[in-house]
């Protein structure tokens, strides 16, 4: 399996960054992830938009135009010869001379992985969700900071839960890797509008609801509404 690193295609198991990279010593970096079908990335334009927004928010430089970035992604998929899979975009903070100040450019990676598959019982029986008080830092961007979500993995297993749902004590926000929706008694889909990552799948759900005439509201959604919901999905 090959990956892209700063303009070159190299074996993915040989890709590396220095120990003084800010992603390593400070957790400073961004990423994004999407799948591809029959060599065609799904919603690539939307994912690139979010990746560029995340970089701009953190004053990070992506050393490729959108056109060149798109071609690099497609070239990697062709080179690896797998029709179905996943792509992870990763921009690290770069090597810092003092261990804190960001350099002019970081390390840009395009990584490829096998297509993920959810356990069959998730689609047949649903999943269990445990609520936890937490607000993600800089939720509008897709950073590499997943400290809380990873820390909670043993706790989730103890709770018998598959996913965590963050809340602030009054309103729920999002899961650690997914947006969250409920359907109330009136049949309206409710989903938080602010203090969350604007997910691409979330955006597509909102677009589909509008096309199908299904009522949907983006607003603060309380834990009380969650408890009284007819349905919930992430």
Foldseek 3Di string as FASTA:
>chain_A
DWKDKPHDIDRPVPDDADCQFCCNLPVFWFKDKFKAAQLHTDPVVVRVVQVVVQCVVVVADDPDDPVRVVVNSSVVSVVVPDRIWMKMWIFTQAHDPVSPDGDNHTMIMIDIGHHDDDPPCCVVPNWFEAEDEDQDDPQQHGGSDLPPVVVCPVVCVVVRGDWYWYDNQWFTAQISPGFKWFQAPVREIEGEDDSHHPDPVVVVVVVVCVVVVGHYDHHTDTVVRVVRTPGMDD
